[in-house]
Amino acid sequence: MRFFQAIAVFFKVLFDGGFAAKVQHLAGGRDTGLVAKTETAPQAAPVPAKPKLPARNDAITLLATLQREARFVDIVMEPLGDYSDAQVGAATRDVLRDCGKTLERLFDLRPVVEAEEGASHETPAIVDAARYRLTGNVTGEPPHRGQLVHHGWQATRCELPKWSGNDDAALIVAPVELELA
């Protein structure tokens, strides 16, 4: 088998200067002058690489925004067992108000259904599972009629802040705060 391979390589070297140069390089790189120098085709200009985007996920950006503007992570991560309900309520009032303002600014949240919770409501003939969660005795074909438990929420826009930090800080939700004397 190697005999036929050697013959095939011999003829390829004999008639293909580029291939011959590669074989010469593989054989030890010595220029014996036996292989004709081949002209190399002009290389295409290198395409500039797209700048690498920081490894920041939109979920981290949202969490960092809620922390920065409303101290959301602080209140959620605080062990609440040692506090009374009144203390927890007082501490969360400002956090919840500021979280609401932040969500309104970023997403402009609106009810999916403009109806009062507890009212009778009917689904459309084609029920989209992303818009309706049917509970209770779900039988038959839509439209379904029942009591509205929750009107749902939908975003009318999504305007998250753009991340401008570096990759090392991409997972930082809140920086260390250090007050110097």
N, C-alpha and C. Protein backbone atom coordinates (compact mmCIF):
# COMPACT_ATOMS: atom_id res chain seq x y z
N MET A 1 0.82 -1.19 0.00
CA MET A 1 0.00 0.00 0.00
C MET A 1 0.87 1.25 0.00
N ARG A 2 1.93 1.27 0.81
CA ARG A 2 2.78 2.45 0.87
C ARG A 2 3.51 2.66 -0.44
N PHE A 3 3.76 1.58 -1.18
CA PHE A 3 4.43 1.69 -2.46
C PHE A 3 3.60 2.56 -3.41
N PHE A 4 2.29 2.28 -3.50
CA PHE A 4 1.42 3.06 -4.39
C PHE A 4 1.27 4.50 -3.90
N GLN A 5 1.27 4.65 -2.57
CA GLN A 5 1.19 5.99 -2.00
C GLN A 5 2.44 6.78 -2.36
N ALA A 6 3.60 6.15 -2.31
CA ALA A 6 4.86 6.82 -2.65
C ALA A 6 4.87 7.24 -4.11
N ILE A 7 4.35 6.40 -4.98
CA ILE A 7 4.30 6.75 -6.42
C ILE A 7 3.36 7.94 -6.62
N ALA A 8 2.22 7.93 -5.94
CA ALA A 8 1.26 9.04 -6.08
C ALA A 8 1.88 10.34 -5.58
N VAL A 9 2.59 10.28 -4.46
CA VAL A 9 3.24 11.47 -3.91
C VAL A 9 4.34 11.94 -4.84
N PHE A 10 5.10 11.01 -5.43
CA PHE A 10 6.17 11.36 -6.37
C PHE A 10 5.62 12.22 -7.50
N PHE A 11 4.51 11.77 -8.13
CA PHE A 11 3.96 12.53 -9.25
C PHE A 11 3.34 13.85 -8.79
N LYS A 12 2.77 13.87 -7.61
CA LYS A 12 2.20 15.11 -7.10
C LYS A 12 3.32 16.13 -6.85
N VAL A 13 4.46 15.67 -6.29
CA VAL A 13 5.61 16.55 -6.07
C VAL A 13 6.15 17.03 -7.40
N LEU A 14 6.19 16.15 -8.38
CA LEU A 14 6.75 16.47 -9.68
C LEU A 14 5.95 17.56 -10.39
N PHE A 15 4.61 17.55 -10.23
CA PHE A 15 3.77 18.47 -11.01
C PHE A 15 3.11 19.59 -10.18
N ASP A 16 3.25 19.56 -8.86
CA ASP A 16 2.60 20.57 -8.02
C ASP A 16 3.65 21.19 -7.10
N GLY A 17 4.11 22.40 -7.47
CA GLY A 17 5.18 23.06 -6.72
C GLY A 17 4.80 23.37 -5.29
N GLY A 18 3.54 23.76 -5.04
CA GLY A 18 3.09 24.07 -3.69
C GLY A 18 3.13 22.83 -2.80
N PHE A 19 2.68 21.71 -3.36
CA PHE A 19 2.72 20.46 -2.61
C PHE A 19 4.15 20.04 -2.35
N ALA A 20 5.02 20.26 -3.36
CA ALA A 20 6.43 19.90 -3.21
C ALA A 20 7.07 20.69 -2.07
N ALA A 21 6.73 21.97 -1.95
CA ALA A 21 7.28 22.80 -0.88
C ALA A 21 6.84 22.28 0.48
N LYS A 22 5.59 21.84 0.58
CA LYS A 22 5.10 21.29 1.84
C LYS A 22 5.83 20.00 2.20
N VAL A 23 6.05 19.14 1.20
CA VAL A 23 6.77 17.88 1.44
C VAL A 23 8.20 18.20 1.88
N GLN A 24 8.82 19.18 1.23
CA GLN A 24 10.19 19.57 1.62
C GLN A 24 10.22 20.04 3.06
N HIS A 25 9.23 20.84 3.43
CA HIS A 25 9.17 21.33 4.80
C HIS A 25 9.02 20.17 5.78
N LEU A 26 8.14 19.23 5.46
CA LEU A 26 7.94 18.06 6.33
C LEU A 26 9.18 17.17 6.40
N ALA A 27 9.94 17.14 5.33
CA ALA A 27 11.11 16.27 5.28
C ALA A 27 12.29 16.85 6.06
N GLY A 28 12.17 17.99 6.63
CA GLY A 28 13.27 18.52 7.43
C GLY A 28 13.54 19.97 7.14
N GLY A 29 12.88 20.52 6.18
CA GLY A 29 12.98 21.93 5.92
C GLY A 29 14.25 22.38 5.23
N ARG A 30 15.15 21.48 4.86
CA ARG A 30 16.37 21.91 4.18
C ARG A 30 16.04 22.27 2.75
N ASP A 31 16.53 23.40 2.33
CA ASP A 31 16.32 23.82 0.94
C ASP A 31 17.44 23.23 0.10
N THR A 32 17.11 22.20 -0.66
CA THR A 32 18.12 21.54 -1.49
C THR A 32 18.20 22.16 -2.85
N GLY A 33 17.27 23.07 -3.14
CA GLY A 33 17.27 23.68 -4.46
C GLY A 33 16.59 22.80 -5.50
N LEU A 34 16.15 21.60 -5.11
CA LEU A 34 15.50 20.69 -6.06
C LEU A 34 14.04 21.05 -6.28
N VAL A 35 13.46 21.75 -5.31
CA VAL A 35 12.05 22.10 -5.44
C VAL A 35 11.94 23.54 -5.91
N ALA A 36 11.18 23.72 -6.95
CA ALA A 36 11.00 25.06 -7.49
C ALA A 36 10.18 25.89 -6.51
N LYS A 37 10.60 27.12 -6.33
CA LYS A 37 9.86 28.02 -5.46
C LYS A 37 8.56 28.38 -6.16
N THR A 38 7.48 28.34 -5.39
CA THR A 38 6.18 28.66 -5.97
C THR A 38 5.77 30.05 -5.50
N GLU A 39 5.05 30.70 -6.35
CA GLU A 39 4.52 32.00 -5.96
C GLU A 39 3.32 31.76 -5.07
N THR A 40 3.26 32.51 -4.01
CA THR A 40 2.12 32.37 -3.13
C THR A 40 1.04 33.35 -3.56
N ALA A 41 -0.16 32.89 -3.48
CA ALA A 41 -1.29 33.75 -3.85
C ALA A 41 -1.40 34.87 -2.82
N PRO A 42 -1.77 36.05 -3.29
CA PRO A 42 -1.91 37.14 -2.33
C PRO A 42 -2.97 36.78 -1.28
N GLN A 43 -2.64 37.05 -0.04
CA GLN A 43 -3.55 36.75 1.06
C GLN A 43 -4.60 37.85 1.15
N ALA A 44 -5.81 37.44 1.46
CA ALA A 44 -6.88 38.41 1.67
C ALA A 44 -6.59 39.16 2.97
N ALA A 45 -6.99 40.41 3.00
CA ALA A 45 -6.79 41.20 4.21
C ALA A 45 -7.52 40.54 5.36
N PRO A 46 -6.89 40.43 6.51
CA PRO A 46 -7.57 39.78 7.64
C PRO A 46 -8.80 40.58 8.05
N VAL A 47 -9.86 39.84 8.34
CA VAL A 47 -11.10 40.47 8.79
C VAL A 47 -10.93 40.80 10.26
N PRO A 48 -11.13 42.06 10.62
CA PRO A 48 -10.97 42.40 12.04
C PRO A 48 -11.99 41.64 12.87
N ALA A 49 -11.52 41.09 13.98
CA ALA A 49 -12.40 40.33 14.86
C ALA A 49 -13.37 41.28 15.54
N LYS A 50 -14.60 40.79 15.72
CA LYS A 50 -15.59 41.60 16.44
C LYS A 50 -15.15 41.71 17.88
N PRO A 51 -15.33 42.87 18.46
CA PRO A 51 -14.92 43.01 19.86
C PRO A 51 -15.74 42.05 20.73
N LYS A 52 -15.06 41.40 21.64
CA LYS A 52 -15.72 40.44 22.52
C LYS A 52 -16.59 41.19 23.51
N LEU A 53 -17.85 40.77 23.60
CA LEU A 53 -18.76 41.40 24.54
C LEU A 53 -18.48 40.87 25.94
N PRO A 54 -18.63 41.71 26.95
CA PRO A 54 -18.42 41.24 28.31
C PRO A 54 -19.38 40.09 28.62
N ALA A 55 -18.97 39.22 29.51
CA ALA A 55 -19.75 38.04 29.86
C ALA A 55 -20.83 38.41 30.89
N ARG A 56 -21.56 39.46 30.63
CA ARG A 56 -22.60 39.93 31.55
C ARG A 56 -23.96 39.49 31.03
N ASN A 57 -24.73 38.83 31.85
CA ASN A 57 -26.05 38.37 31.48
C ASN A 57 -27.07 39.44 31.87
N ASP A 58 -28.16 39.57 31.09
CA ASP A 58 -29.19 40.55 31.39
C ASP A 58 -29.83 40.33 32.75
N ALA A 59 -29.89 39.08 33.20
CA ALA A 59 -30.46 38.80 34.53
C ALA A 59 -29.60 39.44 35.62
N ILE A 60 -28.29 39.37 35.46
CA ILE A 60 -27.39 40.00 36.44
C ILE A 60 -27.55 41.51 36.39
N THR A 61 -27.69 42.05 35.19
CA THR A 61 -27.89 43.50 35.04
C THR A 61 -29.16 43.94 35.75
N LEU A 62 -30.24 43.18 35.58
CA LEU A 62 -31.50 43.52 36.25
C LEU A 62 -31.33 43.42 37.77
N LEU A 63 -30.72 42.36 38.24
CA LEU A 63 -30.52 42.18 39.68
C LEU A 63 -29.66 43.32 40.25
N ALA A 64 -28.60 43.68 39.52
CA ALA A 64 -27.74 44.78 39.97
C ALA A 64 -28.50 46.11 39.99
N THR A 65 -29.39 46.32 39.03
CA THR A 65 -30.18 47.55 38.99
C THR A 65 -31.15 47.60 40.18
N LEU A 66 -31.81 46.48 40.46
CA LEU A 66 -32.72 46.44 41.60
C LEU A 66 -31.97 46.65 42.92
N GLN A 67 -30.76 46.14 43.00
CA GLN A 67 -29.96 46.35 44.21
C GLN A 67 -29.53 47.81 44.33
N ARG A 68 -29.04 48.37 43.23
CA ARG A 68 -28.53 49.74 43.26
C ARG A 68 -29.65 50.75 43.56
N GLU A 69 -30.83 50.53 42.98
CA GLU A 69 -31.89 51.52 43.10
C GLU A 69 -32.88 51.25 44.24
N ALA A 70 -32.90 49.99 44.74
CA ALA A 70 -33.90 49.67 45.76
C ALA A 70 -33.37 48.81 46.90
N ARG A 71 -32.11 48.41 46.86
CA ARG A 71 -31.50 47.55 47.88
C ARG A 71 -32.25 46.21 47.99
N PHE A 72 -32.72 45.70 46.84
CA PHE A 72 -33.51 44.46 46.78
C PHE A 72 -32.75 43.25 47.33
N VAL A 73 -31.51 43.05 46.88
CA VAL A 73 -30.74 41.89 47.32
C VAL A 73 -30.48 41.95 48.82
N ASP A 74 -30.22 43.15 49.34
CA ASP A 74 -29.97 43.29 50.77
C ASP A 74 -31.15 42.78 51.59
N ILE A 75 -32.37 43.15 51.21
CA ILE A 75 -33.53 42.75 52.02
C ILE A 75 -33.85 41.27 51.83
N VAL A 76 -33.65 40.74 50.63
CA VAL A 76 -33.94 39.33 50.37
C VAL A 76 -32.92 38.43 51.06
N MET A 77 -31.66 38.83 51.11
CA MET A 77 -30.61 38.00 51.69
C MET A 77 -30.47 38.19 53.20
N GLU A 78 -31.14 39.16 53.76
CA GLU A 78 -31.07 39.41 55.21
C GLU A 78 -31.80 38.30 55.97
N PRO A 79 -31.16 37.68 56.95
CA PRO A 79 -31.88 36.70 57.78
C PRO A 79 -32.93 37.43 58.62
N LEU A 80 -34.19 37.10 58.42
CA LEU A 80 -35.28 37.86 59.04
C LEU A 80 -35.81 37.23 60.33
N GLY A 81 -35.27 36.08 60.73
CA GLY A 81 -35.78 35.37 61.89
C GLY A 81 -35.72 36.15 63.18
N ASP A 82 -34.77 37.03 63.35
CA ASP A 82 -34.62 37.78 64.59
C ASP A 82 -35.43 39.07 64.64
N TYR A 83 -36.18 39.36 63.57
CA TYR A 83 -36.93 40.61 63.50
C TYR A 83 -38.43 40.34 63.65
N SER A 84 -39.15 41.30 64.20
CA SER A 84 -40.61 41.18 64.31
C SER A 84 -41.22 41.48 62.95
N ASP A 85 -42.48 41.09 62.79
CA ASP A 85 -43.19 41.38 61.54
C ASP A 85 -43.25 42.88 61.28
N ALA A 86 -43.42 43.67 62.33
CA ALA A 86 -43.48 45.13 62.18
C ALA A 86 -42.14 45.67 61.68
N GLN A 87 -41.05 45.14 62.20
CA GLN A 87 -39.72 45.58 61.76
C GLN A 87 -39.49 45.20 60.29
N VAL A 88 -39.88 43.98 59.92
CA VAL A 88 -39.71 43.54 58.53
C VAL A 88 -40.57 44.41 57.61
N GLY A 89 -41.80 44.66 58.02
CA GLY A 89 -42.69 45.49 57.22
C GLY A 89 -42.14 46.90 57.02
N ALA A 90 -41.63 47.48 58.09
CA ALA A 90 -41.07 48.83 58.00
C ALA A 90 -39.84 48.86 57.10
N ALA A 91 -39.00 47.82 57.21
CA ALA A 91 -37.77 47.78 56.41
C ALA A 91 -38.06 47.55 54.93
N THR A 92 -39.11 46.78 54.64
CA THR A 92 -39.38 46.44 53.23
C THR A 92 -40.22 47.49 52.51
N ARG A 93 -40.87 48.37 53.24
CA ARG A 93 -41.74 49.36 52.59
C ARG A 93 -41.00 50.17 51.53
N ASP A 94 -39.85 50.74 51.88
CA ASP A 94 -39.08 51.54 50.93
C ASP A 94 -38.50 50.68 49.81
N VAL A 95 -38.06 49.48 50.16
CA VAL A 95 -37.48 48.58 49.16
C VAL A 95 -38.54 48.23 48.11
N LEU A 96 -39.74 47.86 48.56
CA LEU A 96 -40.81 47.49 47.63
C LEU A 96 -41.23 48.68 46.77
N ARG A 97 -41.34 49.86 47.38
CA ARG A 97 -41.70 51.05 46.60
C ARG A 97 -40.66 51.34 45.52
N ASP A 98 -39.38 51.28 45.90
CA ASP A 98 -38.31 51.58 44.94
C ASP A 98 -38.17 50.49 43.88
N CYS A 99 -38.41 49.23 44.24
CA CYS A 99 -38.41 48.15 43.24
C CYS A 99 -39.52 48.39 42.23
N GLY A 100 -40.70 48.78 42.70
CA GLY A 100 -41.82 49.06 41.80
C GLY A 100 -41.49 50.18 40.83
N LYS A 101 -40.88 51.24 41.31
CA LYS A 101 -40.49 52.35 40.44
C LYS A 101 -39.48 51.88 39.38
N THR A 102 -38.54 51.05 39.82
CA THR A 102 -37.51 50.56 38.89
C THR A 102 -38.12 49.67 37.82
N LEU A 103 -38.98 48.75 38.22
CA LEU A 103 -39.64 47.87 37.24
C LEU A 103 -40.52 48.68 36.28
N GLU A 104 -41.21 49.67 36.79
CA GLU A 104 -42.05 50.51 35.93
C GLU A 104 -41.18 51.25 34.90
N ARG A 105 -40.05 51.79 35.35
CA ARG A 105 -39.17 52.51 34.43
C ARG A 105 -38.56 51.60 33.37
N LEU A 106 -38.16 50.39 33.77
CA LEU A 106 -37.49 49.48 32.83
C LEU A 106 -38.45 48.74 31.91
N PHE A 107 -39.64 48.38 32.43
CA PHE A 107 -40.53 47.49 31.69
C PHE A 107 -41.91 48.04 31.39
N ASP A 108 -42.33 49.11 32.03
CA ASP A 108 -43.68 49.66 31.87
C ASP A 108 -44.71 48.54 31.96
N LEU A 109 -44.79 47.92 33.12
CA LEU A 109 -45.67 46.77 33.33
C LEU A 109 -47.14 47.17 33.31
N ARG A 110 -47.95 46.34 32.65
CA ARG A 110 -49.40 46.53 32.55
C ARG A 110 -50.09 45.20 32.77
N PRO A 111 -51.34 45.22 33.29
CA PRO A 111 -52.08 43.96 33.43
C PRO A 111 -52.34 43.32 32.06
N VAL A 112 -52.32 41.99 32.03
CA VAL A 112 -52.64 41.27 30.79
C VAL A 112 -54.12 41.42 30.49
N VAL A 113 -54.94 41.36 31.54
CA VAL A 113 -56.39 41.49 31.41
C VAL A 113 -56.83 42.70 32.22
N GLU A 114 -57.56 43.60 31.59
CA GLU A 114 -58.07 44.78 32.29
C GLU A 114 -59.39 44.43 32.96
N ALA A 115 -59.32 43.69 34.06
CA ALA A 115 -60.50 43.32 34.83
C ALA A 115 -60.09 43.19 36.29
N GLU A 116 -61.05 43.36 37.18
CA GLU A 116 -60.79 43.26 38.61
C GLU A 116 -60.62 41.79 39.00
N GLU A 117 -59.67 41.54 39.87
CA GLU A 117 -59.51 40.19 40.39
C GLU A 117 -60.76 39.83 41.18
N GLY A 118 -61.25 38.60 40.99
CA GLY A 118 -62.49 38.14 41.62
C GLY A 118 -63.66 38.22 40.67
N ALA A 119 -63.54 38.99 39.59
CA ALA A 119 -64.64 39.12 38.62
C ALA A 119 -64.71 37.88 37.74
N SER A 120 -65.84 37.68 37.10
CA SER A 120 -66.01 36.59 36.14
C SER A 120 -65.29 36.98 34.85
N HIS A 121 -64.58 36.01 34.27
CA HIS A 121 -63.79 36.30 33.06
C HIS A 121 -63.84 35.11 32.12
N GLU A 122 -63.84 35.39 30.83
CA GLU A 122 -63.86 34.32 29.82
C GLU A 122 -62.59 34.40 28.97
N THR A 123 -61.99 33.23 28.70
CA THR A 123 -60.80 33.17 27.85
C THR A 123 -61.21 33.34 26.39
N PRO A 124 -60.26 33.67 25.53
CA PRO A 124 -60.57 33.65 24.10
C PRO A 124 -60.76 32.20 23.62
N ALA A 125 -61.21 32.06 22.39
CA ALA A 125 -61.45 30.72 21.82
C ALA A 125 -60.15 29.94 21.69
N ILE A 126 -59.05 30.63 21.44
CA ILE A 126 -57.73 29.98 21.38
C ILE A 126 -56.96 30.48 22.59
N VAL A 127 -56.65 29.55 23.50
CA VAL A 127 -56.00 29.92 24.76
C VAL A 127 -54.49 29.77 24.62
N ASP A 128 -53.77 30.87 24.79
CA ASP A 128 -52.31 30.88 24.77
C ASP A 128 -51.83 30.59 26.19
N ALA A 129 -51.09 29.48 26.36
CA ALA A 129 -50.63 29.07 27.69
C ALA A 129 -49.70 30.10 28.32
N ALA A 130 -49.07 30.97 27.55
CA ALA A 130 -48.22 32.01 28.11
C ALA A 130 -49.07 33.14 28.72
N ARG A 131 -50.31 33.28 28.26
CA ARG A 131 -51.18 34.34 28.74
C ARG A 131 -52.16 33.88 29.81
N TYR A 132 -52.54 32.61 29.78
CA TYR A 132 -53.54 32.08 30.71
C TYR A 132 -53.04 30.82 31.39
N ARG A 133 -53.15 30.78 32.72
CA ARG A 133 -52.92 29.55 33.48
C ARG A 133 -54.27 29.15 34.05
N LEU A 134 -54.82 28.07 33.53
CA LEU A 134 -56.13 27.60 33.97
C LEU A 134 -55.94 26.63 35.13
N THR A 135 -56.69 26.86 36.20
CA THR A 135 -56.63 25.99 37.37
C THR A 135 -58.04 25.53 37.70
N GLY A 136 -58.12 24.56 38.59
CA GLY A 136 -59.44 24.06 39.00
C GLY A 136 -59.90 22.96 38.07
N ASN A 137 -61.19 22.92 37.81
CA ASN A 137 -61.81 21.87 36.99
C ASN A 137 -61.75 22.27 35.51
N VAL A 138 -60.62 21.98 34.87
CA VAL A 138 -60.42 22.36 33.48
C VAL A 138 -60.89 21.21 32.60
N THR A 139 -62.05 21.38 31.98
CA THR A 139 -62.60 20.36 31.08
C THR A 139 -63.22 21.07 29.89
N GLY A 140 -63.40 20.32 28.82
CA GLY A 140 -64.06 20.87 27.64
C GLY A 140 -63.14 21.74 26.82
N GLU A 141 -63.74 22.29 25.79
CA GLU A 141 -63.01 23.14 24.85
C GLU A 141 -63.19 24.61 25.21
N PRO A 142 -62.19 25.45 24.89
CA PRO A 142 -62.34 26.89 25.13
C PRO A 142 -63.40 27.48 24.21
N PRO A 143 -63.93 28.60 24.55
CA PRO A 143 -63.55 29.47 25.67
C PRO A 143 -64.04 28.90 27.01
N HIS A 144 -63.24 29.21 28.05
CA HIS A 144 -63.56 28.80 29.42
C HIS A 144 -63.97 30.04 30.21
N ARG A 145 -64.91 29.86 31.13
CA ARG A 145 -65.34 30.96 31.99
C ARG A 145 -65.03 30.58 33.44
N GLY A 146 -64.48 31.56 34.17
CA GLY A 146 -64.17 31.32 35.57
C GLY A 146 -63.94 32.61 36.31
N GLN A 147 -63.50 32.48 37.55
CA GLN A 147 -63.22 33.65 38.39
C GLN A 147 -61.77 34.07 38.20
N LEU A 148 -61.54 35.35 37.93
CA LEU A 148 -60.20 35.88 37.72
C LEU A 148 -59.46 35.93 39.06
N VAL A 149 -58.42 35.11 39.18
CA VAL A 149 -57.63 35.06 40.41
C VAL A 149 -56.51 36.10 40.35
N HIS A 150 -55.90 36.26 39.19
CA HIS A 150 -54.82 37.23 39.00
C HIS A 150 -54.88 37.74 37.58
N HIS A 151 -54.74 39.05 37.40
CA HIS A 151 -54.87 39.65 36.07
C HIS A 151 -53.63 39.49 35.20
N GLY A 152 -52.53 38.96 35.76
CA GLY A 152 -51.30 38.79 34.99
C GLY A 152 -50.58 40.11 34.77
N TRP A 153 -49.33 40.01 34.34
CA TRP A 153 -48.53 41.20 34.03
C TRP A 153 -47.83 41.00 32.70
N GLN A 154 -47.71 42.08 31.96
CA GLN A 154 -46.93 42.06 30.72
C GLN A 154 -46.10 43.33 30.63
N ALA A 155 -44.92 43.17 30.07
CA ALA A 155 -44.04 44.32 29.86
C ALA A 155 -44.39 44.95 28.52
N THR A 156 -44.47 46.27 28.49
CA THR A 156 -44.71 46.95 27.22
C THR A 156 -43.40 47.45 26.61
N ARG A 157 -42.32 47.32 27.37
CA ARG A 157 -40.98 47.63 26.85
C ARG A 157 -39.95 46.94 27.75
N CYS A 158 -38.71 46.91 27.30
CA CYS A 158 -37.61 46.35 28.09
C CYS A 158 -36.38 47.21 27.81
N GLU A 159 -36.02 48.01 28.78
CA GLU A 159 -34.90 48.94 28.61
C GLU A 159 -33.90 48.75 29.75
N LEU A 160 -33.17 47.65 29.70
CA LEU A 160 -32.16 47.40 30.72
C LEU A 160 -30.94 48.27 30.48
N PRO A 161 -30.28 48.68 31.54
CA PRO A 161 -29.04 49.46 31.35
C PRO A 161 -28.01 48.61 30.60
N LYS A 162 -27.18 49.26 29.82
CA LYS A 162 -26.11 48.57 29.09
C LYS A 162 -24.92 48.38 30.01
N TRP A 163 -24.36 47.19 29.99
CA TRP A 163 -23.18 46.87 30.80
C TRP A 163 -21.95 47.48 30.15
N SER A 164 -21.16 48.19 30.91
CA SER A 164 -19.96 48.80 30.36
C SER A 164 -18.71 48.40 31.14
N GLY A 165 -18.85 47.45 32.03
CA GLY A 165 -17.72 47.02 32.83
C GLY A 165 -16.88 45.98 32.10
N ASN A 166 -15.93 45.39 32.83
CA ASN A 166 -15.05 44.39 32.24
C ASN A 166 -15.50 42.99 32.64
N ASP A 167 -14.91 41.98 32.01
CA ASP A 167 -15.30 40.59 32.26
C ASP A 167 -15.09 40.17 33.70
N ASP A 168 -14.07 40.69 34.36
CA ASP A 168 -13.80 40.31 35.74
C ASP A 168 -14.93 40.72 36.69
N ALA A 169 -15.64 41.77 36.33
CA ALA A 169 -16.71 42.27 37.19
C ALA A 169 -18.10 41.92 36.67
N ALA A 170 -18.19 41.09 35.66
CA ALA A 170 -19.48 40.79 35.02
C ALA A 170 -20.49 40.14 35.96
N LEU A 171 -20.04 39.43 36.96
CA LEU A 171 -20.96 38.75 37.87
C LEU A 171 -21.17 39.49 39.19
N ILE A 172 -20.61 40.69 39.28
CA ILE A 172 -20.79 41.50 40.49
C ILE A 172 -22.19 42.12 40.46
N VAL A 173 -22.97 41.84 41.49
CA VAL A 173 -24.31 42.41 41.59
C VAL A 173 -24.25 43.75 42.31
N ALA A 174 -23.42 43.83 43.34
CA ALA A 174 -23.24 45.08 44.10
C ALA A 174 -21.79 45.14 44.54
N PRO A 175 -21.14 46.27 44.31
CA PRO A 175 -19.74 46.37 44.73
C PRO A 175 -19.61 46.50 46.24
N VAL A 176 -18.43 46.25 46.73
CA VAL A 176 -18.12 46.46 48.14
C VAL A 176 -18.20 47.97 48.39
N GLU A 177 -18.82 48.35 49.49
CA GLU A 177 -18.85 49.76 49.87
C GLU A 177 -17.92 49.94 51.06
N LEU A 178 -17.00 50.85 50.91
CA LEU A 178 -15.98 51.07 51.95
C LEU A 178 -15.90 52.56 52.24
N GLU A 179 -16.23 52.92 53.46
CA GLU A 179 -16.14 54.32 53.84
C GLU A 179 -14.79 54.57 54.48
N LEU A 180 -14.08 55.53 53.94
CA LEU A 180 -12.75 55.86 54.44
C LEU A 180 -12.84 57.01 55.43
N ALA A 181 -12.03 56.93 56.47
CA ALA A 181 -12.06 57.97 57.51
C ALA A 181 -11.19 59.13 57.14
